[in-house]
N, C-alpha and C. Protein backbone atom coordinates (compact mmCIF):
# COMPACT_ATOMS: atom_id res chain seq x y z
N MET A 1 -12.63 -72.18 2.34
CA MET A 1 -12.38 -71.54 1.26
C MET A 1 -13.58 -71.45 0.21
N SER A 2 -13.96 -70.34 -0.39
CA SER A 2 -15.11 -70.55 -1.34
C SER A 2 -14.13 -70.62 -2.73
N THR A 3 -15.20 -70.96 -3.56
CA THR A 3 -14.63 -70.73 -5.26
C THR A 3 -14.93 -69.51 -5.70
N ASP A 4 -16.11 -68.92 -5.07
CA ASP A 4 -16.66 -67.98 -6.24
C ASP A 4 -15.94 -65.88 -5.79
N GLU A 5 -14.73 -66.19 -5.11
CA GLU A 5 -14.20 -64.98 -4.91
C GLU A 5 -13.37 -64.90 -6.43
N PRO A 6 -13.12 -63.95 -6.92
CA PRO A 6 -12.12 -64.06 -8.03
C PRO A 6 -10.62 -63.43 -7.48
N THR A 7 -9.85 -64.58 -8.39
CA THR A 7 -8.40 -64.43 -7.71
C THR A 7 -7.68 -62.97 -8.31
N PRO A 8 -7.19 -62.56 -7.45
CA PRO A 8 -6.07 -61.64 -7.92
C PRO A 8 -5.42 -61.77 -9.29
N LYS A 9 -4.89 -60.34 -10.20
CA LYS A 9 -4.49 -60.91 -11.40
C LYS A 9 -3.35 -60.20 -11.12
N LYS A 10 -2.21 -60.86 -11.23
CA LYS A 10 -0.69 -60.87 -11.20
C LYS A 10 -0.43 -59.54 -11.96
N ALA A 11 0.53 -58.78 -11.77
CA ALA A 11 1.34 -57.89 -12.89
C ALA A 11 2.29 -58.59 -13.80
N PRO A 12 2.39 -58.47 -14.76
CA PRO A 12 3.49 -59.40 -15.62
C PRO A 12 4.90 -58.95 -14.70
N GLU A 13 5.74 -59.92 -14.62
CA GLU A 13 6.42 -59.68 -14.51
C GLU A 13 7.53 -58.79 -15.29
N LEU A 14 8.54 -57.75 -14.78
CA LEU A 14 9.19 -57.07 -15.88
C LEU A 14 10.54 -57.31 -15.77
N SER A 15 11.06 -57.13 -16.76
CA SER A 15 12.43 -57.69 -16.87
C SER A 15 13.64 -57.15 -17.98
N GLY A 16 14.88 -56.98 -17.18
CA GLY A 16 16.23 -55.85 -17.94
C GLY A 16 15.28 -54.75 -18.64
N VAL A 17 15.00 -54.77 -19.92
CA VAL A 17 14.78 -53.95 -21.06
C VAL A 17 13.30 -52.87 -20.38
N ASP A 18 12.55 -53.74 -19.90
CA ASP A 18 11.13 -53.33 -19.91
C ASP A 18 11.29 -52.65 -18.75
N LEU A 19 11.89 -53.35 -17.11
CA LEU A 19 12.16 -52.58 -16.54
C LEU A 19 12.65 -50.99 -16.64
N ALA A 20 13.61 -51.05 -17.39
CA ALA A 20 14.48 -50.02 -17.82
C ALA A 20 13.87 -48.70 -18.13
N ARG A 21 12.81 -49.57 -19.27
CA ARG A 21 12.09 -47.83 -19.65
C ARG A 21 10.88 -47.44 -18.75
N VAL A 22 10.53 -48.28 -17.95
CA VAL A 22 9.80 -47.91 -16.67
C VAL A 22 10.37 -47.21 -16.20
N ALA A 23 11.10 -47.14 -15.55
CA ALA A 23 12.12 -46.28 -14.32
C ALA A 23 12.52 -45.13 -15.86
N LEU A 24 12.76 -45.14 -16.68
CA LEU A 24 13.25 -44.20 -17.43
C LEU A 24 11.73 -42.88 -17.17
N ARG A 25 11.03 -43.66 -17.92
CA ARG A 25 9.56 -42.67 -17.99
C ARG A 25 9.05 -42.06 -16.76
N ALA A 26 9.39 -43.11 -15.71
CA ALA A 26 8.90 -42.52 -14.72
C ALA A 26 9.94 -41.04 -14.37
N ALA A 27 11.01 -41.32 -14.57
CA ALA A 27 12.37 -39.93 -14.10
C ALA A 27 11.97 -38.81 -14.83
N LYS A 28 11.69 -39.25 -16.39
CA LYS A 28 11.48 -38.21 -17.10
C LYS A 28 9.92 -37.43 -16.73
N GLU A 29 8.68 -38.05 -16.28
CA GLU A 29 8.04 -37.21 -15.67
C GLU A 29 7.88 -36.70 -14.30
N GLN A 30 9.21 -37.19 -13.08
CA GLN A 30 9.40 -36.16 -12.19
C GLN A 30 10.20 -35.08 -12.74
N ALA A 31 11.10 -35.19 -13.74
CA ALA A 31 12.09 -34.17 -14.31
C ALA A 31 11.07 -32.91 -14.92
N ARG A 32 10.26 -33.11 -15.77
CA ARG A 32 9.45 -32.52 -16.51
C ARG A 32 8.47 -31.72 -15.32
N ALA A 33 7.71 -32.36 -14.14
CA ALA A 33 7.29 -31.66 -12.94
C ALA A 33 8.14 -30.69 -12.58
N ARG A 34 9.11 -31.31 -12.03
CA ARG A 34 10.13 -30.06 -11.33
C ARG A 34 10.83 -29.23 -12.45
N GLY A 35 10.91 -28.83 -13.53
CA GLY A 35 11.36 -27.79 -14.35
C GLY A 35 9.87 -27.27 -14.39
N GLU A 36 8.83 -27.31 -14.56
CA GLU A 36 7.16 -27.04 -14.95
C GLU A 36 7.09 -25.81 -13.45
N ALA A 37 7.28 -26.71 -12.44
CA ALA A 37 7.26 -25.85 -11.09
C ALA A 37 8.18 -24.88 -10.70
N ALA A 38 9.37 -24.80 -11.28
CA ALA A 38 10.63 -23.53 -11.08
C ALA A 38 10.35 -23.09 -12.30
N GLN A 39 9.60 -23.26 -13.44
CA GLN A 39 9.64 -22.42 -14.43
C GLN A 39 8.25 -21.16 -14.18
N GLN A 40 7.12 -21.81 -13.48
CA GLN A 40 6.05 -21.51 -12.91
C GLN A 40 6.76 -20.13 -11.98
N LYS A 41 7.94 -20.37 -11.18
CA LYS A 41 8.30 -19.80 -9.33
C LYS A 41 8.87 -18.41 -10.46
N ARG A 42 9.88 -18.73 -11.79
CA ARG A 42 10.54 -17.68 -12.26
C ARG A 42 9.28 -16.61 -12.83
N GLN A 43 8.36 -17.18 -13.74
CA GLN A 43 7.73 -16.19 -14.01
C GLN A 43 6.85 -15.35 -12.93
N ALA A 44 6.53 -15.85 -11.86
CA ALA A 44 5.32 -15.66 -11.02
C ALA A 44 6.88 -14.17 -10.16
N ARG A 45 8.24 -15.04 -10.48
CA ARG A 45 8.85 -13.40 -9.82
C ARG A 45 8.91 -12.10 -10.80
N SER A 46 9.28 -12.85 -11.78
CA SER A 46 9.30 -11.69 -12.84
C SER A 46 8.33 -11.03 -13.85
N GLY A 47 7.50 -11.52 -13.23
CA GLY A 47 6.15 -11.45 -14.13
C GLY A 47 6.02 -11.78 -15.31
N GLY A 48 6.75 -12.69 -16.08
CA GLY A 48 6.63 -13.44 -17.03
C GLY A 48 7.77 -12.31 -18.53
N LEU A 49 8.10 -11.30 -17.51
CA LEU A 49 9.26 -10.86 -18.49
C LEU A 49 10.59 -10.95 -18.32
N ARG A 50 11.61 -11.26 -19.49
CA ARG A 50 13.06 -11.65 -19.15
C ARG A 50 13.32 -11.12 -20.01
N SER A 51 14.59 -10.60 -19.61
CA SER A 51 15.87 -9.78 -20.89
C SER A 51 16.56 -10.63 -21.33
N GLY A 52 17.04 -11.98 -20.68
CA GLY A 52 17.57 -13.04 -21.24
C GLY A 52 17.38 -14.11 -20.63
N ALA A 53 18.16 -15.18 -20.50
CA ALA A 53 18.40 -16.21 -20.62
C ALA A 53 18.24 -16.83 -18.72
N ARG A 54 18.50 -15.52 -18.41
CA ARG A 54 18.23 -15.81 -16.66
C ARG A 54 17.94 -14.18 -16.38
N GLY A 55 16.66 -14.35 -15.64
CA GLY A 55 15.94 -13.09 -14.97
C GLY A 55 16.79 -12.13 -13.94
N ASP A 56 17.14 -11.18 -13.95
CA ASP A 56 17.54 -10.39 -12.89
C ASP A 56 17.29 -9.18 -12.51
N ARG A 57 17.60 -8.02 -12.16
CA ARG A 57 16.75 -7.02 -11.34
C ARG A 57 17.03 -5.94 -12.68
N ARG A 58 17.24 -6.01 -13.61
CA ARG A 58 17.32 -5.02 -14.98
C ARG A 58 15.83 -5.16 -15.63
N ASP A 59 15.53 -6.24 -15.64
CA ASP A 59 14.33 -6.48 -16.46
C ASP A 59 12.89 -5.85 -16.35
N PRO A 60 12.11 -5.94 -17.29
CA PRO A 60 11.19 -4.85 -17.05
C PRO A 60 10.02 -5.37 -15.66
N LEU A 61 9.38 -4.72 -15.22
CA LEU A 61 8.52 -4.99 -14.26
C LEU A 61 6.70 -4.53 -14.55
N PRO A 62 5.95 -5.00 -14.34
CA PRO A 62 4.79 -4.21 -14.17
C PRO A 62 4.79 -2.84 -13.42
N LEU A 63 3.85 -2.03 -13.69
CA LEU A 63 3.99 -0.58 -12.83
C LEU A 63 3.48 -0.99 -11.35
N GLY A 64 2.73 -1.22 -11.41
CA GLY A 64 2.59 -1.74 -9.73
C GLY A 64 3.84 -1.88 -8.84
N ALA A 65 4.38 -3.12 -9.55
CA ALA A 65 5.56 -3.95 -8.93
C ALA A 65 7.00 -2.68 -8.76
N ALA A 66 7.14 -1.95 -9.93
CA ALA A 66 8.15 -1.05 -9.96
C ALA A 66 8.24 -0.19 -8.81
N ILE A 67 6.52 0.65 -8.57
CA ILE A 67 6.73 1.59 -7.79
C ILE A 67 6.56 0.91 -6.25
N ASN A 68 5.87 -0.13 -5.90
CA ASN A 68 6.44 -0.75 -4.74
C ASN A 68 7.91 -0.77 -4.62
N ARG A 69 8.71 -1.01 -5.39
CA ARG A 69 9.86 -1.60 -5.46
C ARG A 69 10.46 -0.37 -5.00
N LEU A 70 10.46 0.72 -5.75
CA LEU A 70 10.74 2.17 -5.27
C LEU A 70 10.52 2.41 -4.58
N ILE A 71 9.38 2.56 -3.42
CA ILE A 71 9.29 2.68 -2.37
C ILE A 71 9.67 2.06 -1.24
N ALA A 72 9.78 0.96 -1.62
CA ALA A 72 10.38 0.11 -0.70
C ALA A 72 12.26 0.53 -0.24
N GLU A 73 12.67 0.39 -1.71
CA GLU A 73 14.14 0.94 -1.68
C GLU A 73 14.17 2.27 -0.98
N ARG A 74 13.69 3.13 -1.04
CA ARG A 74 13.86 4.47 -1.01
C ARG A 74 12.98 5.09 0.85
N GLY A 75 12.35 4.09 1.34
CA GLY A 75 12.00 4.17 2.53
C GLY A 75 11.14 4.78 2.60
N TRP A 76 9.81 5.00 1.52
CA TRP A 76 8.84 6.06 1.71
C TRP A 76 7.43 5.20 1.88
N GLU A 77 7.67 4.05 2.86
CA GLU A 77 6.29 3.46 3.20
C GLU A 77 5.34 4.28 3.80
N THR A 78 5.68 5.02 4.66
CA THR A 78 5.11 5.40 5.68
C THR A 78 4.53 6.77 5.30
N PRO A 79 5.35 8.08 4.34
CA PRO A 79 4.78 9.23 3.71
C PRO A 79 4.02 8.63 2.23
N ALA A 80 4.10 7.54 1.74
CA ALA A 80 3.17 6.78 1.04
C ALA A 80 1.88 6.71 1.11
N ALA A 81 1.73 6.02 2.73
CA ALA A 81 0.92 6.06 3.30
C ALA A 81 0.14 6.71 3.69
N VAL A 82 0.69 7.75 4.47
CA VAL A 82 -0.24 8.81 4.88
C VAL A 82 -0.89 9.98 3.56
N GLY A 83 0.20 9.85 2.38
CA GLY A 83 -0.39 10.51 1.21
C GLY A 83 -1.68 10.02 0.79
N GLY A 84 -1.93 8.40 0.71
CA GLY A 84 -2.52 7.96 0.48
C GLY A 84 -4.18 8.24 1.36
N VAL A 85 -3.36 8.47 2.90
CA VAL A 85 -5.02 9.33 3.55
C VAL A 85 -5.43 10.33 3.17
N MET A 86 -4.39 11.05 3.01
CA MET A 86 -5.05 12.65 2.49
C MET A 86 -6.14 12.29 1.35
N GLY A 87 -5.67 11.46 0.57
CA GLY A 87 -6.06 11.34 -0.80
C GLY A 87 -7.89 10.61 -0.57
N ARG A 88 -7.83 9.89 0.68
CA ARG A 88 -8.99 9.61 0.99
C ARG A 88 -9.76 9.91 2.22
N TRP A 89 -9.38 11.12 2.30
CA TRP A 89 -9.44 12.05 3.28
C TRP A 89 -10.95 12.40 3.78
N PRO A 90 -11.86 12.39 2.76
CA PRO A 90 -13.18 12.37 2.91
C PRO A 90 -13.87 11.35 3.59
N GLN A 91 -13.34 10.13 3.09
CA GLN A 91 -13.74 8.72 3.62
C GLN A 91 -13.53 7.98 4.64
N ILE A 92 -12.55 9.29 5.51
CA ILE A 92 -11.83 8.93 6.97
C ILE A 92 -12.87 9.62 7.93
N VAL A 93 -13.07 10.60 7.25
CA VAL A 93 -13.21 11.85 8.23
C VAL A 93 -14.80 11.94 8.50
N GLY A 94 -15.13 11.75 7.04
CA GLY A 94 -16.82 11.95 7.12
C GLY A 94 -17.03 13.34 5.74
N GLU A 95 -18.01 13.11 4.83
CA GLU A 95 -17.98 14.60 3.88
C GLU A 95 -18.25 15.61 4.84
N ASP A 96 -18.84 16.18 6.13
CA ASP A 96 -19.22 16.95 6.53
C ASP A 96 -18.03 17.77 7.41
N LEU A 97 -16.97 17.00 7.61
CA LEU A 97 -15.69 17.00 7.92
C LEU A 97 -14.86 18.10 7.13
N ALA A 98 -14.95 16.87 5.92
CA ALA A 98 -13.95 17.04 4.64
C ALA A 98 -13.94 18.44 4.17
N ARG A 99 -15.34 18.73 4.02
CA ARG A 99 -15.73 20.00 3.07
C ARG A 99 -14.98 21.49 4.08
N HIS A 100 -15.31 20.85 5.27
CA HIS A 100 -14.61 22.63 6.11
C HIS A 100 -12.76 21.98 6.79
N CYS A 101 -12.47 20.71 6.93
CA CYS A 101 -11.40 20.78 7.24
C CYS A 101 -10.69 19.98 6.25
N VAL A 102 -9.47 20.40 6.19
CA VAL A 102 -8.18 19.87 4.88
C VAL A 102 -6.89 19.75 5.43
N PRO A 103 -6.41 18.06 5.09
CA PRO A 103 -5.10 18.13 5.91
C PRO A 103 -3.98 18.78 4.97
N GLN A 104 -3.31 19.35 5.68
CA GLN A 104 -1.88 20.36 5.06
C GLN A 104 -0.68 19.56 4.53
N THR A 105 -0.13 19.21 6.16
CA THR A 105 1.16 18.38 5.81
C THR A 105 1.31 17.23 7.07
N TYR A 106 2.41 16.55 6.70
CA TYR A 106 2.90 15.60 7.80
C TYR A 106 4.21 15.70 8.03
N ASP A 107 4.60 15.71 9.35
CA ASP A 107 5.76 15.80 9.76
C ASP A 107 6.70 13.99 10.42
N GLU A 108 6.79 13.43 8.83
CA GLU A 108 7.30 11.71 9.72
C GLU A 108 8.38 11.86 11.12
N ASP A 109 8.94 12.90 11.37
CA ASP A 109 9.95 12.76 12.45
C ASP A 109 9.27 12.79 13.73
N GLU A 110 8.06 14.08 13.48
CA GLU A 110 7.50 14.20 14.90
C GLU A 110 6.17 13.57 14.84
N ARG A 111 5.78 12.85 13.69
CA ARG A 111 4.30 12.05 13.53
C ARG A 111 3.43 13.01 14.13
N VAL A 112 3.32 14.39 13.24
CA VAL A 112 2.12 15.11 13.27
C VAL A 112 1.12 15.36 12.32
N LEU A 113 0.13 15.44 12.11
CA LEU A 113 -0.59 15.91 10.87
C LEU A 113 -0.89 17.28 11.12
N VAL A 114 -0.87 17.94 10.10
CA VAL A 114 -1.43 19.70 10.47
C VAL A 114 -2.27 19.33 9.27
N VAL A 115 -3.53 20.09 10.41
CA VAL A 115 -5.10 20.68 9.42
C VAL A 115 -5.21 21.73 9.61
N ARG A 116 -6.13 22.29 8.40
CA ARG A 116 -6.25 23.79 8.54
C ARG A 116 -7.93 23.44 8.26
N CYS A 117 -8.69 24.27 9.15
CA CYS A 117 -9.76 24.41 8.94
C CYS A 117 -10.65 26.00 8.47
N ASP A 118 -11.81 26.23 7.51
CA ASP A 118 -12.00 27.06 6.97
C ASP A 118 -12.85 28.16 8.31
N SER A 119 -13.05 27.44 9.72
CA SER A 119 -13.76 28.61 10.49
C SER A 119 -13.27 28.05 11.98
N THR A 120 -13.03 29.07 13.17
CA THR A 120 -12.89 28.57 14.05
C THR A 120 -14.15 27.42 14.60
N ALA A 121 -14.85 27.32 14.26
CA ALA A 121 -16.05 26.77 14.47
C ALA A 121 -15.88 25.32 14.32
N TRP A 122 -15.37 24.96 13.09
CA TRP A 122 -14.73 23.58 12.14
C TRP A 122 -13.56 23.14 13.20
N ALA A 123 -12.83 24.30 13.61
CA ALA A 123 -11.35 23.60 14.28
C ALA A 123 -12.02 23.78 15.42
N THR A 124 -12.68 24.35 16.16
CA THR A 124 -12.93 23.60 17.56
C THR A 124 -13.74 22.37 17.60
N GLN A 125 -14.63 21.66 16.36
CA GLN A 125 -14.83 20.49 16.48
C GLN A 125 -14.23 19.79 16.39
N LEU A 126 -13.22 19.52 15.04
CA LEU A 126 -11.84 19.13 14.91
C LEU A 126 -11.31 18.52 16.13
N ARG A 127 -11.07 19.79 17.13
CA ARG A 127 -10.31 19.55 18.01
C ARG A 127 -10.50 18.43 18.89
N LEU A 128 -11.28 18.54 19.23
CA LEU A 128 -12.72 17.52 19.81
C LEU A 128 -12.87 16.41 19.35
N LEU A 129 -12.90 16.07 18.42
CA LEU A 129 -12.88 14.78 17.34
C LEU A 129 -11.34 14.30 17.15
N ALA A 130 -10.04 14.87 17.58
CA ALA A 130 -8.62 14.90 17.04
C ALA A 130 -8.53 13.08 18.24
N PRO A 131 -8.65 12.83 19.60
CA PRO A 131 -8.64 11.51 19.81
C PRO A 131 -8.89 10.49 19.03
N GLN A 132 -10.69 10.57 18.40
CA GLN A 132 -10.74 9.13 18.01
C GLN A 132 -10.20 9.47 16.22
N LEU A 133 -10.05 10.73 15.71
CA LEU A 133 -9.46 10.54 14.73
C LEU A 133 -8.15 9.54 14.53
N VAL A 134 -7.23 10.16 15.73
CA VAL A 134 -5.64 9.76 15.91
C VAL A 134 -5.79 7.93 15.69
N ALA A 135 -6.86 8.06 16.73
CA ALA A 135 -7.11 6.50 16.51
C ALA A 135 -7.55 5.62 15.45
N ARG A 136 -8.25 6.38 14.65
CA ARG A 136 -8.67 5.73 12.81
C ARG A 136 -7.56 5.62 12.26
N LEU A 137 -7.06 7.15 12.44
CA LEU A 137 -5.57 7.11 11.38
C LEU A 137 -4.67 5.81 11.49
N ASN A 138 -4.57 5.42 12.70
CA ASN A 138 -3.39 5.08 13.44
C ASN A 138 -4.08 3.53 13.10
N GLU A 139 -5.07 3.10 12.77
CA GLU A 139 -5.75 1.90 12.68
C GLU A 139 -5.56 1.64 11.42
N ASP A 140 -5.53 2.52 10.51
CA ASP A 140 -5.55 2.48 9.12
C ASP A 140 -3.83 2.30 8.43
N LEU A 141 -3.08 3.33 9.36
CA LEU A 141 -1.88 3.01 8.69
C LEU A 141 -1.26 2.92 9.43
N GLY A 142 -1.17 1.87 10.76
CA GLY A 142 -0.35 1.23 11.41
C GLY A 142 0.07 2.21 13.10
N HIS A 143 -0.01 1.53 13.71
CA HIS A 143 0.18 1.88 15.29
C HIS A 143 1.70 2.84 15.09
N GLY A 144 1.34 4.36 15.89
CA GLY A 144 2.03 5.05 16.42
C GLY A 144 2.46 5.80 14.90
N THR A 145 1.98 5.64 13.73
CA THR A 145 1.93 6.33 12.50
C THR A 145 1.61 8.19 12.89
N VAL A 146 0.71 8.44 13.48
CA VAL A 146 0.10 9.29 13.43
C VAL A 146 -0.11 9.87 15.33
N ARG A 147 1.05 10.44 15.86
CA ARG A 147 0.83 10.91 17.40
C ARG A 147 0.09 11.99 17.65
N LEU A 148 -0.14 13.16 17.12
CA LEU A 148 -1.12 14.31 17.20
C LEU A 148 -1.33 15.00 16.31
N ILE A 149 -2.55 15.11 16.13
CA ILE A 149 -3.16 15.85 15.23
C ILE A 149 -3.25 17.77 15.41
N LYS A 150 -2.12 18.80 14.72
CA LYS A 150 -2.31 19.98 14.66
C LYS A 150 -3.24 20.95 13.92
N VAL A 151 -4.06 21.51 14.83
CA VAL A 151 -5.37 21.86 14.09
C VAL A 151 -5.32 23.09 14.36
N GLN A 152 -5.28 23.82 12.50
CA GLN A 152 -4.74 25.55 12.42
C GLN A 152 -6.35 26.11 12.57
N GLY A 153 -6.67 27.43 12.77
CA GLY A 153 -7.63 27.89 12.27
C GLY A 153 -7.95 28.69 10.99
N PRO A 154 -8.76 29.46 10.34
CA PRO A 154 -8.55 30.18 9.11
C PRO A 154 -7.16 30.66 9.28
N GLY A 155 -7.24 31.21 8.07
CA GLY A 155 -5.65 32.22 8.13
C GLY A 155 -6.71 33.72 7.28
N GLY A 156 -6.11 34.68 8.24
CA GLY A 156 -6.92 35.90 7.60
C GLY A 156 -7.16 36.57 6.46
N PRO A 157 -7.97 37.51 6.03
CA PRO A 157 -8.03 37.79 4.48
C PRO A 157 -6.91 38.08 3.48
N ALA A 158 -6.33 38.47 2.61
CA ALA A 158 -5.71 38.52 1.79
C ALA A 158 -5.70 39.89 2.18
N PRO A 159 -4.32 40.79 2.46
CA PRO A 159 -4.53 42.07 2.38
C PRO A 159 -4.59 42.90 1.53
N ARG A 160 -5.36 44.21 1.19
CA ARG A 160 -5.76 44.75 0.09
C ARG A 160 -5.54 45.74 0.01
N PHE A 161 -4.96 46.42 -0.99
CA PHE A 161 -4.20 47.83 -0.71
C PHE A 161 -5.05 48.35 -1.84
N GLY A 162 -5.36 49.76 -1.47
CA GLY A 162 -6.37 50.98 -2.05
C GLY A 162 -6.21 52.10 -1.48
N PRO A 163 -7.17 52.58 -2.01
CA PRO A 163 -7.27 54.46 -2.02
C PRO A 163 -7.37 54.41 -0.15
N LEU A 164 -8.48 53.46 0.62
CA LEU A 164 -9.07 53.18 1.65
C LEU A 164 -8.14 52.81 2.56
N ARG A 165 -6.83 52.59 2.30
CA ARG A 165 -6.01 52.10 3.48
C ARG A 165 -5.12 52.91 3.88
N ALA A 166 -4.63 52.82 5.14
CA ALA A 166 -3.65 53.86 5.74
C ALA A 166 -2.11 52.94 5.41
N PRO A 167 -0.97 53.40 5.15
CA PRO A 167 -0.16 53.11 4.18
C PRO A 167 0.37 52.01 5.96
N GLY A 168 0.98 51.45 6.18
CA GLY A 168 1.78 50.00 7.23
C GLY A 168 0.68 50.11 8.38
N SER A 169 -0.79 50.40 7.84
CA SER A 169 -1.72 49.67 9.20
C SER A 169 -2.12 48.23 8.70
N SER A 170 -2.29 46.92 9.41
CA SER A 170 -3.12 45.90 8.80
C SER A 170 -4.60 45.95 8.40
N GLY A 171 -5.25 47.01 9.08
CA GLY A 171 -6.71 46.90 8.98
C GLY A 171 -7.49 45.61 9.89
N PRO A 172 -8.39 45.15 9.64
CA PRO A 172 -9.05 44.19 10.53
C PRO A 172 -8.36 43.02 10.48
N GLY A 173 -7.16 42.89 9.62
CA GLY A 173 -6.44 41.50 9.69
C GLY A 173 -5.58 41.33 11.17
N ASP A 174 -5.68 42.34 11.89
CA ASP A 174 -4.72 41.81 12.90
C ASP A 174 -5.40 41.50 13.87
N THR A 175 -6.77 41.16 13.59
CA THR A 175 -7.44 40.30 15.27
C THR A 175 -7.08 38.87 14.47
N TYR A 176 -6.90 38.14 12.96
CA TYR A 176 -6.53 37.10 13.03
C TYR A 176 -5.21 36.64 13.11
N GLY A 177 -5.24 35.09 13.65
CA GLY A 177 -4.33 34.98 14.30
C GLY A 177 -3.30 34.11 14.08
């Protein structure tokens, strides 16, 4: 055994009152840590705003959280998602197609998206692209949200009334579909 090694220092022995003080300090620190963690959880749940000593469902919420809760309570998740797709239609289908084809309605029960095109040529183009478009929409909205895209061609011209029209005739509008 060499004498060059330092001897380890012993911690001073704690007796009665000192031991109680150390235990009390450790218990206070643990309680403070638990209280801070619980307070952070409550603030995260309520967004930091509370109406009283205890938070409840009547407390004010940030606007986004309130809208999300309303959508979930009413079961509007799918219509809201489809509405978002209709708002982002040009990004989903491309600028060229979006200029000529506009989504009209979505039937949630049948899972059918109705799209109106401004010419029969664009309606034909959309019918050819419909399977890829259904796949892209389902990828964005969730599997099975859109089952079918129903493509409608252009509506006929508005009926005109005037001196050159025969009463009761539909004129050239009878060739539109």
